[in-house]
N, C-alpha and C. Protein backbone atom coordinates (compact mmCIF):
# COMPACT_ATOMS: atom_id res chain seq x y z
N MET A 1 -13.17 3.41 16.47
CA MET A 1 -12.70 4.69 15.48
C MET A 1 -12.20 4.59 14.44
N GLN A 2 -13.22 5.80 13.20
CA GLN A 2 -13.43 5.57 11.96
C GLN A 2 -11.37 6.11 11.96
N PRO A 3 -10.77 5.16 10.43
CA PRO A 3 -9.83 5.93 10.21
C PRO A 3 -10.03 7.28 9.50
N ASN A 4 -9.15 8.26 9.32
CA ASN A 4 -9.52 9.25 8.91
C ASN A 4 -8.50 9.10 7.06
N VAL A 5 -7.69 7.82 6.85
CA VAL A 5 -6.37 8.36 5.83
C VAL A 5 -7.61 7.31 4.64
N ASP A 6 -7.22 8.02 3.37
CA ASP A 6 -8.04 7.54 2.41
C ASP A 6 -7.62 6.16 2.08
N GLN A 7 -8.49 5.27 1.64
CA GLN A 7 -7.55 3.47 1.43
C GLN A 7 -6.54 3.83 0.34
N ALA A 8 -6.65 4.57 -0.64
CA ALA A 8 -5.78 4.50 -1.74
C ALA A 8 -4.28 4.92 -1.09
N VAL A 9 -4.29 5.93 -0.28
CA VAL A 9 -3.00 6.26 0.19
C VAL A 9 -2.56 4.73 1.22
N LEU A 10 -3.59 4.27 1.71
CA LEU A 10 -2.74 3.47 2.77
C LEU A 10 -2.23 1.77 1.81
N GLU A 11 -3.03 1.99 0.70
CA GLU A 11 -2.65 1.02 -0.08
C GLU A 11 -1.36 1.37 -0.90
N ALA A 12 -0.94 2.00 -1.10
CA ALA A 12 0.16 2.71 -1.87
C ALA A 12 0.83 2.72 -1.00
N LEU A 13 1.23 2.98 0.41
CA LEU A 13 2.52 2.93 0.95
C LEU A 13 2.06 1.61 1.76
N GLY A 14 1.36 0.86 1.92
CA GLY A 14 1.48 -0.55 2.01
C GLY A 14 0.94 -0.85 3.86
N LEU A 15 0.08 0.10 4.28
CA LEU A 15 -0.07 0.50 5.60
C LEU A 15 -1.32 0.26 5.98
N GLU A 16 -1.90 -0.25 7.42
CA GLU A 16 -3.37 -0.92 7.63
C GLU A 16 -3.72 0.34 8.27
N ALA A 17 -5.16 0.58 8.74
CA ALA A 17 -5.73 1.50 8.49
C ALA A 17 -5.75 2.07 10.11
N THR A 18 -5.85 0.81 11.00
CA THR A 18 -5.33 0.53 12.43
C THR A 18 -4.31 1.21 12.51
N GLY A 19 -4.40 2.34 13.41
CA GLY A 19 -3.29 3.25 13.83
C GLY A 19 -2.66 4.11 12.87
N SER A 20 -3.15 4.23 11.87
CA SER A 20 -3.02 5.11 11.05
C SER A 20 -3.53 6.74 11.30
N LYS A 21 -3.10 7.86 11.03
CA LYS A 21 -3.73 8.68 11.32
C LYS A 21 -2.93 10.03 10.38
N MET A 22 -3.96 10.90 9.76
CA MET A 22 -3.59 12.19 9.21
C MET A 22 -3.78 13.20 9.49
N VAL A 23 -3.41 14.30 9.65
CA VAL A 23 -3.55 15.44 10.92
C VAL A 23 -2.72 16.85 9.77
N ALA A 24 -3.93 17.91 9.49
CA ALA A 24 -3.75 18.68 9.12
C ALA A 24 -2.51 19.52 9.16
N HIS A 25 -1.26 20.16 8.41
CA HIS A 25 -0.43 20.20 8.84
C HIS A 25 0.13 21.60 7.91
N GLY A 26 -0.82 22.69 7.98
CA GLY A 26 -0.39 23.84 7.10
C GLY A 26 -1.05 23.64 5.68
N GLY A 27 -0.44 24.54 4.62
CA GLY A 27 -1.17 24.52 3.46
C GLY A 27 -0.72 26.06 2.82
N SER A 28 -1.33 26.02 1.69
CA SER A 28 -1.88 27.38 1.17
C SER A 28 -3.38 27.43 0.19
N SER A 29 -3.27 28.61 -0.44
CA SER A 29 -4.65 28.73 -1.06
C SER A 29 -4.89 27.51 -2.17
N PHE A 30 -3.76 26.65 -2.57
CA PHE A 30 -4.41 26.05 -3.73
C PHE A 30 -3.25 24.64 -3.67
N ALA A 31 -3.07 24.60 -1.92
CA ALA A 31 -2.53 22.97 -1.61
C ALA A 31 -2.84 23.15 -0.44
N SER A 32 -3.13 21.77 0.20
CA SER A 32 -3.21 21.49 1.33
C SER A 32 -2.22 20.49 1.92
N THR A 33 -1.30 20.41 3.34
CA THR A 33 -0.45 19.57 3.59
C THR A 33 -0.96 18.34 4.94
N TYR A 34 -0.32 17.69 5.28
CA TYR A 34 -0.78 16.67 6.29
C TYR A 34 0.59 15.93 6.84
N LYS A 35 0.80 15.46 7.89
CA LYS A 35 1.26 14.88 8.27
C LYS A 35 0.84 13.61 8.86
N LEU A 36 1.05 12.34 8.10
CA LEU A 36 0.26 11.14 8.02
C LEU A 36 1.42 10.03 9.12
N THR A 37 1.11 9.24 10.58
CA THR A 37 1.69 9.18 11.08
C THR A 37 0.81 7.23 11.06
N ALA A 38 1.83 5.99 11.28
CA ALA A 38 1.32 5.11 10.77
C ALA A 38 2.40 3.72 11.60
N SER A 39 1.86 2.52 11.94
CA SER A 39 2.79 1.86 12.90
C SER A 39 2.66 0.36 11.58
N LYS A 40 2.90 -0.23 11.21
CA LYS A 40 3.69 -1.35 10.58
C LYS A 40 4.60 -2.01 11.04
N ASP A 41 4.08 -3.28 11.53
CA ASP A 41 5.45 -4.60 11.75
C ASP A 41 5.97 -4.11 12.99
N GLY A 42 5.14 -3.30 13.93
CA GLY A 42 5.89 -2.76 15.37
C GLY A 42 6.84 -1.58 14.80
N HIS A 43 6.78 -0.98 13.77
CA HIS A 43 7.63 -0.34 13.60
C HIS A 43 6.74 1.49 13.44
N GLU A 44 7.01 2.29 13.83
CA GLU A 44 6.32 3.52 14.08
C GLU A 44 7.02 4.74 12.54
N PHE A 45 5.82 4.84 11.68
CA PHE A 45 6.45 5.57 10.34
C PHE A 45 5.87 7.36 10.53
N ALA A 46 6.14 8.32 9.78
CA ALA A 46 6.13 9.82 9.62
C ALA A 46 6.20 10.10 8.19
N TYR A 47 5.12 10.41 7.43
CA TYR A 47 5.02 11.07 6.16
C TYR A 47 4.63 12.26 6.18
N PHE A 48 4.69 13.26 5.22
CA PHE A 48 4.84 14.56 4.82
C PHE A 48 3.84 14.06 3.59
N MET A 49 2.45 14.59 3.38
CA MET A 49 1.72 14.33 2.35
C MET A 49 1.14 15.94 1.64
N LYS A 50 0.76 15.99 0.40
CA LYS A 50 0.95 17.60 0.00
C LYS A 50 -0.38 17.35 -1.14
N THR A 51 -1.40 18.01 -1.12
CA THR A 51 -2.14 17.78 -2.02
C THR A 51 -2.73 18.60 -2.65
N GLY A 52 -3.31 18.95 -3.58
CA GLY A 52 -3.79 20.19 -4.19
C GLY A 52 -4.89 19.75 -5.45
N VAL A 53 -5.31 20.80 -5.67
CA VAL A 53 -5.88 20.47 -7.28
C VAL A 53 -6.35 22.17 -7.73
N GLY A 54 -6.37 22.27 -8.91
CA GLY A 54 -6.71 23.36 -10.17
C GLY A 54 -5.08 23.37 -10.80
N ALA A 55 -4.93 24.37 -11.30
CA ALA A 55 -3.97 24.59 -12.27
C ALA A 55 -2.76 25.35 -11.33
N GLU A 56 -3.29 25.87 -10.60
CA GLU A 56 -1.94 26.40 -9.73
C GLU A 56 -1.04 24.99 -9.12
N ALA A 57 -1.19 24.22 -8.68
CA ALA A 57 -1.43 22.97 -7.93
C ALA A 57 -0.53 21.86 -8.93
N GLU A 58 -1.25 21.83 -9.85
CA GLU A 58 -0.62 21.08 -11.02
C GLU A 58 0.88 21.32 -11.27
N THR A 59 0.57 22.98 -11.46
CA THR A 59 2.32 23.54 -11.92
C THR A 59 3.17 23.43 -10.78
N MET A 60 2.95 23.51 -9.58
CA MET A 60 3.31 23.45 -8.47
C MET A 60 4.25 21.70 -8.60
N PHE A 61 2.86 20.88 -8.37
CA PHE A 61 3.24 19.21 -8.46
C PHE A 61 4.26 18.89 -9.67
N ARG A 62 4.22 19.53 -11.02
CA ARG A 62 4.97 19.01 -12.04
C ARG A 62 6.70 19.33 -12.04
N GLY A 63 6.72 20.83 -11.03
CA GLY A 63 7.95 21.34 -10.54
C GLY A 63 8.61 20.48 -9.35
N LEU A 64 7.96 20.09 -8.50
CA LEU A 64 8.33 19.41 -7.71
C LEU A 64 8.76 18.13 -8.11
N ARG A 65 8.06 17.19 -8.88
CA ARG A 65 8.27 16.26 -9.42
C ARG A 65 9.84 16.34 -10.35
N SER A 66 9.58 17.51 -10.95
CA SER A 66 10.91 17.77 -11.50
C SER A 66 12.13 17.83 -10.89
N ALA A 67 12.01 18.49 -9.70
CA ALA A 67 12.92 18.81 -9.03
C ALA A 67 13.43 17.71 -8.17
N PHE A 68 12.85 16.77 -7.87
CA PHE A 68 12.93 15.79 -7.27
C PHE A 68 13.72 14.75 -8.14
N LEU A 69 13.44 14.34 -9.47
CA LEU A 69 14.54 13.68 -10.01
C LEU A 69 15.55 13.76 -10.24
N SER A 70 15.54 15.36 -10.58
CA SER A 70 17.03 15.76 -11.04
C SER A 70 18.05 15.18 -9.66
N GLN A 71 16.99 15.82 -8.40
CA GLN A 71 18.10 15.43 -7.32
C GLN A 71 18.42 13.81 -7.12
N LEU A 72 17.61 13.43 -7.43
CA LEU A 72 17.57 11.83 -7.14
C LEU A 72 18.38 11.66 -8.09
N ARG A 73 18.62 12.03 -9.51
CA ARG A 73 19.66 11.39 -10.36
C ARG A 73 21.13 11.81 -9.99
N GLN A 74 21.26 13.16 -9.39
CA GLN A 74 22.61 13.27 -8.97
C GLN A 74 23.03 12.84 -7.52
N ASP A 75 21.97 12.23 -6.25
CA ASP A 75 22.64 11.67 -5.48
C ASP A 75 22.80 9.87 -5.79
N VAL A 76 21.57 9.35 -6.51
CA VAL A 76 22.16 8.10 -6.88
C VAL A 76 22.06 7.76 -8.30
N ARG A 77 23.64 7.94 -8.81
CA ARG A 77 24.39 7.70 -9.72
C ARG A 77 23.77 6.82 -10.81
N SER A 78 23.20 5.28 -9.81
CA SER A 78 23.22 4.13 -10.41
C SER A 78 21.81 4.14 -11.44
N LEU A 79 21.21 5.45 -10.88
CA LEU A 79 19.49 5.17 -11.69
C LEU A 79 20.04 6.08 -13.21
N THR A 80 21.28 6.48 -13.44
CA THR A 80 20.96 6.74 -14.95
C THR A 80 21.70 6.38 -15.77
């Protein structure tokens, strides 16, 4: 069976294609979301993945990145 997870995603997460699967899980007019499941070293992992193209998606991702970093700074004081 041919894997449906992009090689760049597998490499970024340190996963192998065997046993990795990505299934569409909602979306909008400018973004798509997926559930990525994989196993590594006998452990199961599940990831949420969001992709998008165009100006609306760029705005969304910039906002998500900013919100994520702000929350991370609040939760993990040693990073500031």
